[in-house]
Amino acid sequence: MKILPYLETFAAVIDKGSFTAAAESLQISKPVVSKQVSQLEKNLGVQLLHRTTRQLKPTEAGEIFAHYALNIMEKVQEAEQAVLPLQGNPQGLLRITVPESLAASKLSDVLHDFLKQYPGIELDILVSGQFVNLLEAGIDVALRAGKLEDSTLVARLLAPCHFHVCASPEYWKKHGIPKHPEELKTQNCLIYTQSPKPNTWLFKEKNSDDLTIKVKGDFRSSSGKMILNAALAGQGVFFAPSYMVINEINQGKLTTVLEDYLSTSVGLYAVYPHSHYVSAKVRIFIDYLTEHWRDETRV
């Protein structure tokens, strides 16, 4: 019995949670999936799955075997990906997660040109400011602004990134310009709820000590675009990455404050799970973004 095809089938059943879903992912029939799993159990001499009409659950032996099966199939996929760069243009589904502020302000035009240059790649984009678990969510690449906290991931700098405290000139005229971050506690701050800590804004004292400010305000939203529009309308103070507000700042529609208390450039990063081999589609995508954004001092 050549076990690798049976391992692939069993790993798909565990990953997808059913014979039907596994069959669809492997592009084989459901009876073939059932037969291969049964043959694998017969060959091993143990029951791997509890089968009921409502659910499919691994036995104790099945859980142990699934750990090795999934690991083996991951290594097989890594081996395949290692030689893809030698086969011409990359292809396949590329799953990306990106904050809404970046998706709306900077990424769309780049993605359009990317797909024209690499027609073999399909994009599936999850727009979210939440730091999802990339492996659990099946994400290939996350675009993130800020410092990387998860040391199990690989981060590659795409471009410098800076944050600004800004509001409309009309707002500052009416409410006064803060001289120190502590004064933001009395300002109406616009809260972007997809941020990991929405009510916490980070600064540095002039002696370089970290400074955490808890802010509040009468407008909260998971949409960066709505927060930006509220700031432009004079409703409150916006803490925003430069790629989202740089045009409005240059046009005088927003005015920045407290620049001396902001952290140095933290960077816009492409983040992906650690692997011995980076797939061609991931490598090409990151290289493409780096090439198009590398000459920008602030994005």
Protein backbone atom coordinates (compact mmCIF):
# COMPACT_ATOMS: atom_id res chain seq x y z
CA MET A 1 0.00 0.00 0.00
CA LYS A 2 1.46 3.35 -1.09
CA ILE A 3 0.47 5.37 1.93
CA LEU A 4 1.01 8.98 0.79
CA PRO A 5 -2.30 9.34 -1.13
CA TYR A 6 -4.14 7.91 1.88
CA LEU A 7 -2.35 10.35 4.18
CA GLU A 8 -3.42 13.20 1.92
CA THR A 9 -7.04 12.04 2.05
CA PHE A 10 -7.04 11.57 5.82
CA ALA A 11 -5.37 14.95 6.37
CA ALA A 12 -8.03 16.58 4.17
CA VAL A 13 -10.83 14.94 6.17
CA ILE A 14 -9.34 16.23 9.43
CA ASP A 15 -8.70 19.69 7.99
CA LYS A 16 -12.12 20.09 6.34
CA GLY A 17 -14.16 18.27 8.96
CA SER A 18 -16.16 15.98 6.65
CA PHE A 19 -15.86 13.45 3.84
CA THR A 20 -17.86 15.73 1.54
CA ALA A 21 -15.65 18.78 2.07
CA ALA A 22 -12.50 16.67 1.77
CA ALA A 23 -13.75 15.18 -1.49
CA GLU A 24 -14.42 18.65 -2.88
CA SER A 25 -10.98 19.93 -1.92
CA LEU A 26 -9.24 16.87 -3.39
CA GLN A 27 -11.57 16.80 -6.43
CA ILE A 28 -12.46 13.16 -5.93
CA SER A 29 -15.74 11.48 -5.04
CA LYS A 30 -17.00 11.08 -1.48
CA PRO A 31 -17.08 7.24 -1.76
CA VAL A 32 -13.41 7.26 -2.74
CA VAL A 33 -12.58 9.34 0.36
CA SER A 34 -14.53 6.94 2.60
CA LYS A 35 -12.90 3.90 1.00
CA GLN A 36 -9.38 5.30 1.39
CA VAL A 37 -9.91 6.17 5.05
CA SER A 38 -11.32 2.68 5.71
CA GLN A 39 -8.38 1.10 3.90
CA LEU A 40 -5.98 3.21 5.96
CA GLU A 41 -7.67 2.05 9.18
CA LYS A 42 -7.47 -1.56 8.03
CA ASN A 43 -3.80 -1.22 7.17
CA LEU A 44 -2.99 0.41 10.53
CA GLY A 45 -5.22 -1.93 12.52
CA VAL A 46 -6.89 0.91 14.46
CA GLN A 47 -10.02 3.01 14.14
CA LEU A 48 -9.15 6.59 13.25
CA LEU A 49 -12.59 8.19 13.13
CA HIS A 50 -15.87 8.04 15.01
CA ARG A 51 -18.55 8.27 12.32
CA THR A 52 -22.12 9.38 13.05
CA THR A 53 -24.81 10.87 10.87
CA ARG A 54 -24.15 14.30 12.39
CA GLN A 55 -20.44 14.54 12.95
CA LEU A 56 -17.03 13.11 12.26
CA LYS A 57 -14.62 12.99 15.16
CA PRO A 58 -11.13 11.49 15.41
CA THR A 59 -10.50 8.75 17.93
CA GLU A 60 -7.55 8.98 20.29
CA ALA A 61 -5.48 7.08 17.72
CA GLY A 62 -6.91 9.33 15.01
CA GLU A 63 -5.76 12.48 16.81
CA ILE A 64 -2.24 11.10 17.15
CA PHE A 65 -2.12 9.97 13.54
CA ALA A 66 -3.65 13.27 12.30
CA HIS A 67 -0.79 15.21 13.89
CA TYR A 68 1.75 13.30 11.81
CA ALA A 69 -0.39 13.20 8.66
CA LEU A 70 -0.93 16.97 8.64
CA ASN A 71 2.76 17.59 9.30
CA ILE A 72 3.81 15.25 6.49
CA MET A 73 1.43 16.91 4.01
CA GLU A 74 2.71 20.33 5.04
CA LYS A 75 6.25 19.19 4.26
CA VAL A 76 5.09 17.80 0.91
CA GLN A 77 3.52 21.16 0.06
CA GLU A 78 6.72 22.95 1.11
CA ALA A 79 8.71 20.69 -1.20
CA GLU A 80 6.35 21.48 -4.07
CA GLN A 81 6.51 25.21 -3.35
CA ALA A 82 10.32 25.10 -3.24
CA VAL A 83 10.52 24.28 -6.93
CA LEU A 84 7.71 26.51 -8.18
CA PRO A 85 10.06 29.44 -8.84
CA LEU A 86 11.74 27.21 -11.42
CA GLN A 87 8.47 26.59 -13.26
CA GLY A 88 7.79 30.10 -14.54
CA ASN A 89 5.09 32.43 -13.29
CA PRO A 90 3.56 31.70 -9.87
CA GLN A 91 -0.04 30.58 -9.65
CA GLY A 92 -2.77 29.64 -7.22
CA LEU A 93 -4.88 31.27 -4.53
CA LEU A 94 -3.17 33.93 -2.40
CA ARG A 95 -5.04 34.83 0.80
CA ILE A 96 -4.23 38.22 2.31
CA THR A 97 -5.45 40.07 5.37
CA VAL A 98 -5.17 43.86 5.41
CA PRO A 99 -6.54 46.68 7.59
CA GLU A 100 -9.42 48.57 6.04
CA SER A 101 -7.51 51.86 6.17
CA LEU A 102 -4.76 50.46 3.93
CA ALA A 103 -7.16 48.58 1.66
CA ALA A 104 -9.14 51.73 0.97
CA SER A 105 -6.31 54.22 0.69
CA LYS A 106 -3.32 52.59 -0.95
CA LEU A 107 -3.60 48.94 -1.86
CA SER A 108 -6.35 48.77 -4.49
CA ASP A 109 -4.38 50.30 -7.37
CA VAL A 110 -1.35 48.13 -6.64
CA LEU A 111 -3.43 44.94 -6.62
CA HIS A 112 -5.00 45.75 -9.97
CA ASP A 113 -1.58 46.06 -11.62
CA PHE A 114 -0.29 42.98 -9.77
CA LEU A 115 -3.03 40.76 -11.18
CA LYS A 116 -2.37 42.05 -14.69
CA GLN A 117 1.28 41.09 -14.36
CA TYR A 118 0.60 37.71 -12.70
CA PRO A 119 -2.65 36.35 -14.19
CA GLY A 120 -2.07 32.90 -12.69
CA ILE A 121 -2.63 34.20 -9.16
CA GLU A 122 -6.06 34.59 -7.57
CA LEU A 123 -6.49 36.97 -4.62
CA ASP A 124 -8.76 36.42 -1.62
CA ILE A 125 -8.57 39.47 0.67
CA LEU A 126 -9.80 39.59 4.25
CA VAL A 127 -10.24 43.24 5.25
CA SER A 128 -9.81 43.43 9.01
CA GLY A 129 -7.80 45.37 11.54
CA GLN A 130 -7.78 42.41 13.91
CA PHE A 131 -4.56 40.42 14.27
CA VAL A 132 -5.92 37.04 13.22
CA ASN A 133 -3.95 33.82 13.66
CA LEU A 134 -2.56 33.36 10.16
CA LEU A 135 -2.20 29.59 10.32
CA GLU A 136 -5.65 28.98 11.79
CA ALA A 137 -7.29 31.35 9.29
CA GLY A 138 -5.36 29.95 6.31
CA ILE A 139 -3.82 33.35 5.55
CA ASP A 140 -0.68 33.53 3.42
CA VAL A 141 0.29 37.16 4.08
CA ALA A 142 -0.86 39.87 6.49
CA LEU A 143 -0.13 43.55 5.88
CA ARG A 144 0.37 45.32 9.19
CA ALA A 145 1.46 48.75 10.35
CA GLY A 146 3.36 48.78 13.62
CA LYS A 147 5.71 46.62 15.60
CA LEU A 148 5.62 42.84 15.24
CA GLU A 149 4.77 41.14 18.55
CA ASP A 150 4.43 37.51 17.42
CA SER A 151 7.98 36.13 17.16
CA THR A 152 6.74 32.98 15.41
CA LEU A 153 6.02 35.05 12.29
CA VAL A 154 8.37 36.49 9.70
CA ALA A 155 8.07 40.22 9.00
CA ARG A 156 9.48 42.02 5.98
CA LEU A 157 9.56 45.81 5.86
CA LEU A 158 7.68 47.18 2.86
CA ALA A 159 7.94 50.90 3.59
CA PRO A 160 8.35 53.36 6.45
CA CYS A 161 5.14 54.26 8.28
CA HIS A 162 4.39 57.05 10.72
CA PHE A 163 1.35 57.87 12.86
CA HIS A 164 -0.21 61.30 13.28
CA VAL A 165 -2.55 62.94 15.75
CA CYS A 166 -4.68 65.15 13.55
CA ALA A 167 -7.94 67.06 13.30
CA SER A 168 -9.43 69.74 11.10
CA PRO A 169 -8.19 73.34 11.56
CA GLU A 170 -11.75 74.23 12.59
CA TYR A 171 -11.70 71.65 15.39
CA TRP A 172 -8.39 72.88 16.80
CA LYS A 173 -9.59 76.49 16.63
CA LYS A 174 -12.68 75.62 18.65
CA HIS A 175 -11.18 73.20 21.21
CA GLY A 176 -7.56 74.30 21.47
CA ILE A 177 -4.33 72.63 20.43
CA PRO A 178 -2.90 70.16 23.02
CA LYS A 179 0.68 70.74 24.08
CA HIS A 180 1.14 67.32 25.69
CA PRO A 181 -0.49 63.90 25.01
CA GLU A 182 -2.13 63.98 28.47
CA GLU A 183 -4.35 66.79 27.19
CA LEU A 184 -5.96 64.39 24.72
CA LYS A 185 -7.93 62.98 27.65
CA THR A 186 -10.13 66.08 27.50
CA GLN A 187 -10.48 66.05 23.71
CA ASN A 188 -13.16 64.28 21.68
CA CYS A 189 -11.14 61.43 20.19
CA LEU A 190 -12.42 59.37 17.27
CA ILE A 191 -12.03 55.66 18.04
CA TYR A 192 -11.10 53.14 15.34
CA THR A 193 -12.43 49.88 16.80
CA GLN A 194 -10.43 47.53 14.57
CA SER A 195 -7.26 48.64 16.27
CA PRO A 196 -5.93 45.98 18.72
CA LYS A 197 -6.38 48.50 21.60
CA PRO A 198 -8.83 51.09 20.27
CA ASN A 199 -8.85 53.41 23.30
CA THR A 200 -5.10 53.29 23.87
CA TRP A 201 -2.85 55.70 21.98
CA LEU A 202 0.91 55.27 22.33
CA PHE A 203 3.45 58.09 22.56
CA LYS A 204 6.98 58.71 23.79
CA GLU A 205 8.03 61.34 26.28
CA LYS A 206 10.85 63.62 25.21
CA ASN A 207 13.19 61.51 27.38
CA SER A 208 12.10 58.49 25.26
CA ASP A 209 9.98 56.86 27.98
CA ASP A 210 6.86 55.14 26.68
CA LEU A 211 3.61 56.98 27.34
CA THR A 212 0.18 55.35 27.14
CA ILE A 213 -2.88 57.57 26.90
CA LYS A 214 -6.42 56.31 27.42
CA VAL A 215 -8.73 58.34 25.19
CA LYS A 216 -12.49 58.59 24.77
CA GLY A 217 -14.97 60.23 22.45
CA ASP A 218 -18.52 60.20 21.12
CA PHE A 219 -17.80 58.42 17.82
CA ARG A 220 -16.53 54.88 17.34
CA SER A 221 -16.39 52.87 14.13
CA SER A 222 -14.73 49.84 12.56
CA SER A 223 -14.52 51.83 9.30
CA GLY A 224 -11.40 53.91 8.90
CA LYS A 225 -13.09 55.82 6.10
CA MET A 226 -15.92 56.90 8.42
CA ILE A 227 -13.42 57.99 11.07
CA LEU A 228 -11.52 60.01 8.47
CA ASN A 229 -14.71 61.68 7.25
CA ALA A 230 -15.64 62.55 10.83
CA ALA A 231 -12.23 64.16 11.36
CA LEU A 232 -12.55 66.14 8.13
CA ALA A 233 -15.98 67.34 9.29
CA GLY A 234 -14.46 68.73 12.50
CA GLN A 235 -15.99 66.15 14.79
CA GLY A 236 -12.86 65.09 16.66
CA VAL A 237 -9.23 63.98 16.83
CA PHE A 238 -7.94 61.13 14.66
CA PHE A 239 -4.86 58.96 15.42
CA ALA A 240 -4.01 57.65 11.97
CA PRO A 241 -1.25 56.06 9.88
CA SER A 242 0.32 58.49 7.43
CA TYR A 243 -0.70 56.48 4.35
CA MET A 244 -4.33 57.22 5.22
CA VAL A 245 -4.14 60.94 5.90
CA ILE A 246 -1.05 62.24 4.10
CA ASN A 247 -3.04 63.76 1.22
CA GLU A 248 -5.45 65.54 3.57
CA ILE A 249 -2.52 66.86 5.62
CA ASN A 250 -0.73 68.14 2.51
CA GLN A 251 -3.95 69.83 1.37
CA GLY A 252 -4.43 71.52 4.73
CA LYS A 253 -7.69 69.72 5.46
CA LEU A 254 -6.14 68.13 8.56
CA THR A 255 -3.54 69.60 10.90
CA THR A 256 -1.16 67.48 12.98
CA VAL A 257 -0.17 68.07 16.61
CA LEU A 258 2.16 66.49 19.19
CA GLU A 259 4.68 65.40 16.55
CA ASP A 260 7.51 65.55 19.10
CA TYR A 261 5.76 62.89 21.20
CA LEU A 262 5.12 60.35 18.48
CA SER A 263 7.16 57.19 18.11
CA THR A 264 9.71 57.01 15.36
CA SER A 265 8.68 55.35 12.11
CA VAL A 266 7.40 51.88 12.90
CA GLY A 267 7.03 50.54 9.39
CA LEU A 268 4.50 48.86 7.15
CA TYR A 269 5.20 45.13 7.09
CA ALA A 270 4.29 42.01 5.18
CA VAL A 271 3.93 39.25 7.76
CA TYR A 272 3.77 35.52 7.04
CA PRO A 273 4.19 32.21 8.90
CA HIS A 274 7.71 30.88 9.27
CA SER A 275 8.55 28.14 6.80
CA HIS A 276 11.66 26.59 5.36
CA TYR A 277 10.41 27.57 1.92
CA VAL A 278 8.42 30.67 1.03
CA SER A 279 5.97 29.94 -1.77
CA ALA A 280 6.51 31.67 -5.09
CA LYS A 281 3.19 33.52 -4.94
CA VAL A 282 4.01 34.94 -1.48
CA ARG A 283 7.55 35.89 -2.48
CA ILE A 284 6.42 37.55 -5.72
CA PHE A 285 3.65 39.49 -3.96
CA ILE A 286 5.95 40.84 -1.25
CA ASP A 287 8.65 41.72 -3.79
CA TYR A 288 6.04 43.55 -5.86
CA LEU A 289 4.84 45.68 -2.94
CA THR A 290 8.40 46.43 -1.86
CA GLU A 291 9.34 47.58 -5.35
CA HIS A 292 6.33 49.89 -5.64
CA TRP A 293 6.57 51.38 -2.14
CA ARG A 294 10.30 51.38 -1.38
CA ASP A 295 10.98 54.95 -2.62
CA GLU A 296 8.31 56.48 -0.40
CA THR A 297 9.74 58.03 2.75
CA ARG A 298 6.30 57.93 4.37
CA VAL A 299 3.28 55.90 3.27
